[in-house]
N, C-alpha and C. Protein backbone atom coordinates (compact mmCIF):
# COMPACT_ATOMS: atom_id res chain seq x y z
N MET A 1 127.42 7.01 125.67
CA MET A 1 126.77 8.30 125.26
C MET A 1 126.00 8.79 126.44
N ARG A 2 125.22 7.95 127.16
CA ARG A 2 124.51 8.38 128.38
C ARG A 2 125.30 8.99 129.32
N GLU A 3 126.50 8.39 129.50
CA GLU A 3 127.31 8.95 130.58
C GLU A 3 127.91 10.41 130.20
N GLU A 4 128.22 10.60 128.90
CA GLU A 4 128.70 11.85 128.48
C GLU A 4 127.52 12.92 128.65
N VAL A 5 126.31 12.57 128.33
CA VAL A 5 125.28 13.55 128.45
C VAL A 5 125.13 13.79 129.94
N GLY A 6 125.19 12.85 130.76
CA GLY A 6 125.21 13.04 132.19
C GLY A 6 126.23 14.04 132.68
N ASP A 7 127.45 13.93 132.19
CA ASP A 7 128.54 14.79 132.49
C ASP A 7 128.20 16.27 132.09
N LEU A 8 127.66 16.33 130.86
CA LEU A 8 127.25 17.63 130.41
C LEU A 8 126.14 18.30 131.23
N LEU A 9 125.17 17.56 131.64
CA LEU A 9 124.06 18.04 132.58
C LEU A 9 124.81 18.39 133.86
N PHE A 10 125.58 17.60 134.45
CA PHE A 10 126.34 17.98 135.70
C PHE A 10 127.16 19.29 135.53
N ALA A 11 127.78 19.50 134.52
CA ALA A 11 128.58 20.74 134.33
C ALA A 11 127.66 21.86 134.11
N VAL A 12 126.60 21.86 133.36
CA VAL A 12 125.65 22.91 133.22
C VAL A 12 125.01 23.22 134.54
N THR A 13 124.78 22.37 135.39
CA THR A 13 124.14 22.58 136.73
C THR A 13 125.11 23.35 137.56
N ASN A 14 126.39 22.99 137.48
CA ASN A 14 127.30 23.54 138.20
C ASN A 14 127.61 25.08 137.74
N ILE A 15 127.53 25.32 136.45
CA ILE A 15 127.57 26.57 135.91
C ILE A 15 126.44 27.50 136.47
N ALA A 16 125.33 26.90 136.38
CA ALA A 16 124.08 27.67 136.89
C ALA A 16 124.15 28.01 138.35
N ARG A 17 124.60 27.05 139.20
CA ARG A 17 124.86 27.47 140.61
C ARG A 17 125.93 28.47 140.80
N HIS A 18 126.94 28.48 139.88
CA HIS A 18 128.00 29.51 140.00
C HIS A 18 127.39 30.95 139.71
N LEU A 19 126.45 30.87 138.79
CA LEU A 19 125.74 32.16 138.42
C LEU A 19 124.56 32.53 139.37
N GLN A 20 124.46 31.71 140.43
CA GLN A 20 123.37 31.82 141.34
C GLN A 20 122.04 31.82 140.70
N VAL A 21 121.87 30.80 139.84
CA VAL A 21 120.56 30.39 139.32
C VAL A 21 120.25 29.07 139.80
N GLU A 22 119.05 28.90 140.27
CA GLU A 22 118.69 27.51 140.72
C GLU A 22 118.37 26.72 139.42
N PRO A 23 119.10 25.70 139.19
CA PRO A 23 118.91 24.89 137.90
C PRO A 23 117.45 24.43 137.73
N GLU A 24 116.97 23.90 138.71
CA GLU A 24 115.60 23.26 138.63
C GLU A 24 114.54 24.36 138.33
N ALA A 25 114.61 25.49 138.90
CA ALA A 25 113.66 26.56 138.63
C ALA A 25 113.91 27.11 137.23
N ALA A 26 115.13 27.15 136.72
CA ALA A 26 115.34 27.61 135.40
C ALA A 26 114.70 26.57 134.38
N LEU A 27 114.90 25.30 134.75
CA LEU A 27 114.42 24.28 133.80
C LEU A 27 112.89 24.33 133.74
N LYS A 28 112.34 24.57 134.96
CA LYS A 28 110.79 24.70 134.94
C LYS A 28 110.28 25.82 134.06
N LEU A 29 111.03 26.96 134.13
CA LEU A 29 110.67 28.16 133.46
C LEU A 29 110.72 27.87 131.86
N THR A 30 111.88 27.22 131.53
CA THR A 30 112.03 26.84 130.12
C THR A 30 110.94 25.87 129.61
N ASN A 31 110.58 24.94 130.42
CA ASN A 31 109.57 24.08 130.11
C ASN A 31 108.18 24.73 129.84
N ARG A 32 107.85 25.67 130.63
CA ARG A 32 106.66 26.45 130.53
C ARG A 32 106.66 27.20 129.18
N LYS A 33 107.86 27.85 128.92
CA LYS A 33 108.01 28.67 127.80
C LYS A 33 107.86 27.75 126.49
N PHE A 34 108.49 26.59 126.50
CA PHE A 34 108.45 25.69 125.39
C PHE A 34 106.94 25.22 125.22
N ARG A 35 106.17 24.85 126.33
CA ARG A 35 104.77 24.35 126.23
C ARG A 35 103.92 25.48 125.60
N ARG A 36 104.16 26.76 126.05
CA ARG A 36 103.37 27.87 125.53
C ARG A 36 103.62 28.08 124.02
N ARG A 37 104.81 28.03 123.58
CA ARG A 37 105.18 28.22 122.22
C ARG A 37 104.55 27.00 121.38
N PHE A 38 104.72 25.82 121.97
CA PHE A 38 104.16 24.68 121.22
C PHE A 38 102.78 24.67 121.04
N ARG A 39 102.05 25.22 122.06
CA ARG A 39 100.53 25.40 121.96
C ARG A 39 100.15 26.39 120.87
N HIS A 40 100.94 27.38 120.76
CA HIS A 40 100.84 28.43 119.69
C HIS A 40 100.86 27.74 118.35
N ILE A 41 101.79 26.88 118.07
CA ILE A 41 101.97 26.11 116.88
C ILE A 41 100.77 25.22 116.69
N GLU A 42 100.36 24.57 117.72
CA GLU A 42 99.19 23.61 117.51
C GLU A 42 97.90 24.46 117.24
N GLU A 43 97.77 25.54 117.85
CA GLU A 43 96.58 26.34 117.49
C GLU A 43 96.59 26.94 116.10
N ALA A 44 97.73 27.47 115.71
CA ALA A 44 97.90 27.98 114.36
C ALA A 44 97.56 26.90 113.33
N LEU A 45 98.14 25.66 113.51
CA LEU A 45 97.83 24.60 112.52
C LEU A 45 96.41 24.21 112.63
N LYS A 46 95.79 24.28 113.74
CA LYS A 46 94.35 23.85 113.89
C LYS A 46 93.50 24.81 113.09
N GLN A 47 93.94 26.18 113.23
CA GLN A 47 93.16 27.22 112.51
C GLN A 47 93.35 27.06 111.00
N ARG A 48 94.38 26.54 110.59
CA ARG A 48 94.63 26.34 109.12
C ARG A 48 94.17 25.00 108.64
N ARG A 49 93.72 24.26 109.60
CA ARG A 49 93.20 22.89 109.38
C ARG A 49 94.40 22.01 108.72
N GLN A 50 95.53 22.25 109.26
CA GLN A 50 96.77 21.64 108.70
C GLN A 50 97.29 20.56 109.72
N GLU A 51 97.76 19.41 109.25
CA GLU A 51 98.36 18.43 110.13
C GLU A 51 99.86 18.70 110.33
N PHE A 52 100.43 18.19 111.39
CA PHE A 52 101.92 18.33 111.66
C PHE A 52 102.58 17.68 110.58
N ALA A 53 102.12 16.53 110.18
CA ALA A 53 102.82 15.76 109.13
C ALA A 53 102.95 16.47 107.85
N ALA A 54 101.95 17.45 107.63
CA ALA A 54 101.88 18.04 106.20
C ALA A 54 102.52 19.49 106.35
N THR A 55 103.24 19.71 107.57
CA THR A 55 103.86 20.93 107.75
C THR A 55 105.33 20.95 107.56
N THR A 56 105.90 21.87 106.72
CA THR A 56 107.29 21.79 106.43
C THR A 56 108.08 22.39 107.70
N LEU A 57 109.37 22.04 107.72
CA LEU A 57 110.22 22.56 108.77
C LEU A 57 110.25 24.12 108.68
N GLU A 58 110.24 24.72 107.59
CA GLU A 58 110.20 26.16 107.44
C GLU A 58 108.89 26.75 107.97
N GLU A 59 107.76 26.09 107.80
CA GLU A 59 106.57 26.49 108.35
C GLU A 59 106.59 26.47 109.85
N MET A 60 107.13 25.42 110.31
CA MET A 60 107.17 25.18 111.78
C MET A 60 108.04 26.20 112.44
N GLU A 61 109.20 26.47 111.74
CA GLU A 61 110.17 27.52 112.27
C GLU A 61 109.55 28.90 112.27
N ALA A 62 108.75 29.21 111.20
CA ALA A 62 108.05 30.51 111.16
C ALA A 62 107.09 30.67 112.30
N LEU A 63 106.26 29.57 112.63
CA LEU A 63 105.32 29.63 113.72
C LEU A 63 106.03 29.74 115.01
N TRP A 64 107.23 28.95 115.17
CA TRP A 64 107.98 29.10 116.37
C TRP A 64 108.47 30.55 116.61
N GLN A 65 108.94 31.17 115.58
CA GLN A 65 109.43 32.49 115.68
C GLN A 65 108.39 33.45 116.04
N GLU A 66 107.11 33.22 115.49
CA GLU A 66 105.88 34.02 115.77
C GLU A 66 105.61 33.89 117.27
N ALA A 67 105.67 32.64 117.71
CA ALA A 67 105.23 32.48 119.02
C ALA A 67 106.22 33.09 120.06
N LYS A 68 107.35 33.21 119.75
CA LYS A 68 108.51 33.90 120.53
C LYS A 68 108.14 35.34 120.69
N THR A 69 107.41 35.97 119.84
CA THR A 69 107.07 37.41 119.98
C THR A 69 105.78 37.58 120.85
N LYS A 70 105.22 36.52 121.25
CA LYS A 70 103.93 36.73 122.04
C LYS A 70 104.08 36.52 123.38
């Protein structure tokens, strides 16, 4: 399975290069975006005094979608 995932990552890297996108830079931007959205969820739950474990998948998805608009 590890080898197959490696093959997939290699293929995606080649596609990025073909599109003239630096793969590492694209990944860094995506990581920043993910952290920003995740912080939004953390803050929203903190304001509600709600724990992650007590949050439904639907609530998490709603917060994630909300974070995407900011």
